[in-house]
Protein backbone atom coordinates (compact mmCIF):
# COMPACT_ATOMS: atom_id res chain seq x y z
CA UNK A 1 -53.16 -24.35 -11.05
CA UNK A 2 -52.04 -20.43 -11.79
CA UNK A 3 -55.88 -19.37 -11.96
CA UNK A 4 -56.37 -20.09 -8.35
CA UNK A 5 -58.24 -17.19 -6.21
CA UNK A 6 -56.51 -15.42 -4.23
CA UNK A 7 -56.43 -16.16 -0.23
CA UNK A 8 -58.63 -14.02 1.62
CA UNK A 9 -57.73 -12.32 5.17
CA UNK A 10 -60.11 -13.62 7.92
CA UNK A 11 -62.41 -11.25 10.32
CA UNK A 12 -60.31 -13.33 13.32
CA UNK A 13 -57.40 -12.39 11.13
CA UNK A 14 -57.62 -8.76 10.46
CA UNK A 15 -58.80 -8.45 14.31
CA UNK A 16 -55.51 -9.94 15.63
CA UNK A 17 -53.86 -7.61 13.47
CA UNK A 18 -54.95 -4.79 14.15
CA UNK A 19 -55.11 -5.05 17.81
CA UNK A 20 -50.98 -6.01 17.50
CA UNK A 21 -50.92 -2.94 15.65
CA UNK A 22 -52.30 -0.61 18.85
CA UNK A 23 -52.18 -2.26 21.86
CA UNK A 24 -49.38 -1.62 24.30
CA UNK A 25 -47.43 -5.40 24.92
CA UNK A 26 -43.82 -5.91 25.74
CA UNK A 27 -41.60 -3.48 25.49
CA UNK A 28 -39.69 -5.22 28.63
CA UNK A 29 -38.54 -2.96 31.29
CA UNK A 30 -40.22 0.29 29.85
CA UNK A 31 -43.24 -0.79 28.32
CA UNK A 32 -43.81 -2.47 32.13
CA UNK A 33 -43.37 0.79 33.22
CA UNK A 34 -45.62 2.69 30.34
CA UNK A 35 -48.46 0.12 30.90
CA UNK A 36 -48.28 1.34 34.78
CA UNK A 37 -48.61 4.94 33.89
CA UNK A 38 -45.22 6.10 34.57
CA UNK A 39 -44.52 8.13 37.15
CA UNK A 40 -47.58 9.48 38.04
CA UNK A 41 -50.06 6.56 37.21
CA UNK A 42 -53.03 6.64 35.56
CA UNK A 43 -55.19 8.82 37.95
CA UNK A 44 -54.47 12.81 38.03
CA UNK A 45 -55.89 13.63 41.33
CA UNK A 46 -54.53 12.93 44.58
CA UNK A 47 -56.22 13.21 47.94
CA UNK A 48 -54.48 15.77 50.35
CA UNK A 49 -55.43 13.84 53.59
CA UNK A 50 -54.83 9.75 53.14
CA UNK A 51 -53.51 9.87 49.36
CA UNK A 52 -56.01 8.07 47.52
CA UNK A 53 -55.60 9.02 43.68
CA UNK A 54 -58.67 9.62 41.27
CA UNK A 55 -58.66 10.00 37.97
CA UNK A 56 -61.01 13.47 38.24
CA UNK A 57 -62.06 15.81 40.58
CA UNK A 58 -65.89 14.46 40.19
CA UNK A 59 -64.62 11.23 41.28
CA UNK A 60 -62.58 12.88 43.82
CA UNK A 61 -65.17 14.31 45.76
CA UNK A 62 -67.24 10.71 45.64
CA UNK A 63 -63.86 9.67 46.97
CA UNK A 64 -64.16 12.78 49.79
CA UNK A 65 -67.91 12.41 50.60
CA UNK A 66 -67.20 8.71 51.44
CA UNK A 67 -64.21 8.55 53.16
CA UNK A 68 -64.00 12.15 55.11
CA UNK A 69 -67.64 13.64 56.15
CA UNK A 70 -66.43 15.59 58.26
CA UNK A 71 -63.88 17.54 56.27
CA UNK A 72 -64.85 20.36 54.30
CA UNK A 73 -64.55 19.18 50.76
CA UNK A 74 -61.23 21.73 48.86
CA UNK A 75 -60.73 20.44 45.66
CA UNK A 76 -57.69 22.88 45.12
CA UNK A 77 -55.67 20.90 47.61
CA UNK A 78 -56.00 18.00 45.30
CA UNK A 79 -52.64 17.28 44.16
CA UNK A 80 -52.01 17.39 40.21
CA UNK A 81 -50.02 14.21 39.43
CA UNK A 82 -49.53 15.06 35.95
CA UNK A 83 -48.77 18.56 36.40
CA UNK A 84 -45.94 17.33 38.58
CA UNK A 85 -44.41 14.65 36.84
CA UNK A 86 -44.71 16.35 33.15
CA UNK A 87 -48.32 15.78 31.80
CA UNK A 88 -48.13 12.01 29.60
CA UNK A 89 -48.40 9.57 31.49
CA UNK A 90 -47.93 7.03 28.78
CA UNK A 91 -45.40 6.98 26.00
CA UNK A 92 -46.89 3.69 23.86
CA UNK A 93 -43.52 2.21 24.15
CA UNK A 94 -44.37 -1.18 23.11
CA UNK A 95 -46.92 -0.22 20.38
CA UNK A 96 -46.23 -2.03 17.23
CA UNK A 97 -47.63 0.79 14.99
CA UNK A 98 -46.96 3.59 16.75
CA UNK A 99 -42.89 3.41 15.48
CA UNK A 100 -42.55 4.62 11.95
CA UNK A 101 -40.24 2.02 9.77
CA UNK A 102 -37.60 4.39 7.57
C-alpha cells in the first residue's frame, strides 16, 4: 500500500487556486469599497460640463464630441480624479496572495 502514486492536481484545481490568490473578493466593507475603486472610482477623468467619468482623455474626447458637440474640446478643464484623492484607486484589501505570512 505504501507504493501508490501521489495524487496529482487537476487543471481546474490549479486554476481555482491561482484565481483565489489574485482575485479581489471578500474583505467586508473595506473590500467592497476597494472593488468599487476607492474614493475616485476606476475612471480617471471627469467631464467639467456634465460630470460623466472616463478612464482616459481619448474616451473623454469621444464623450465630449457625442454629448457636447457645440462646445469646444478643452482637455485641460477635465478633472483628474486620481490626483484629487491621492492617485491610488484600489488597495487589494481582500486579495489572498497579497498578504505575506510571518
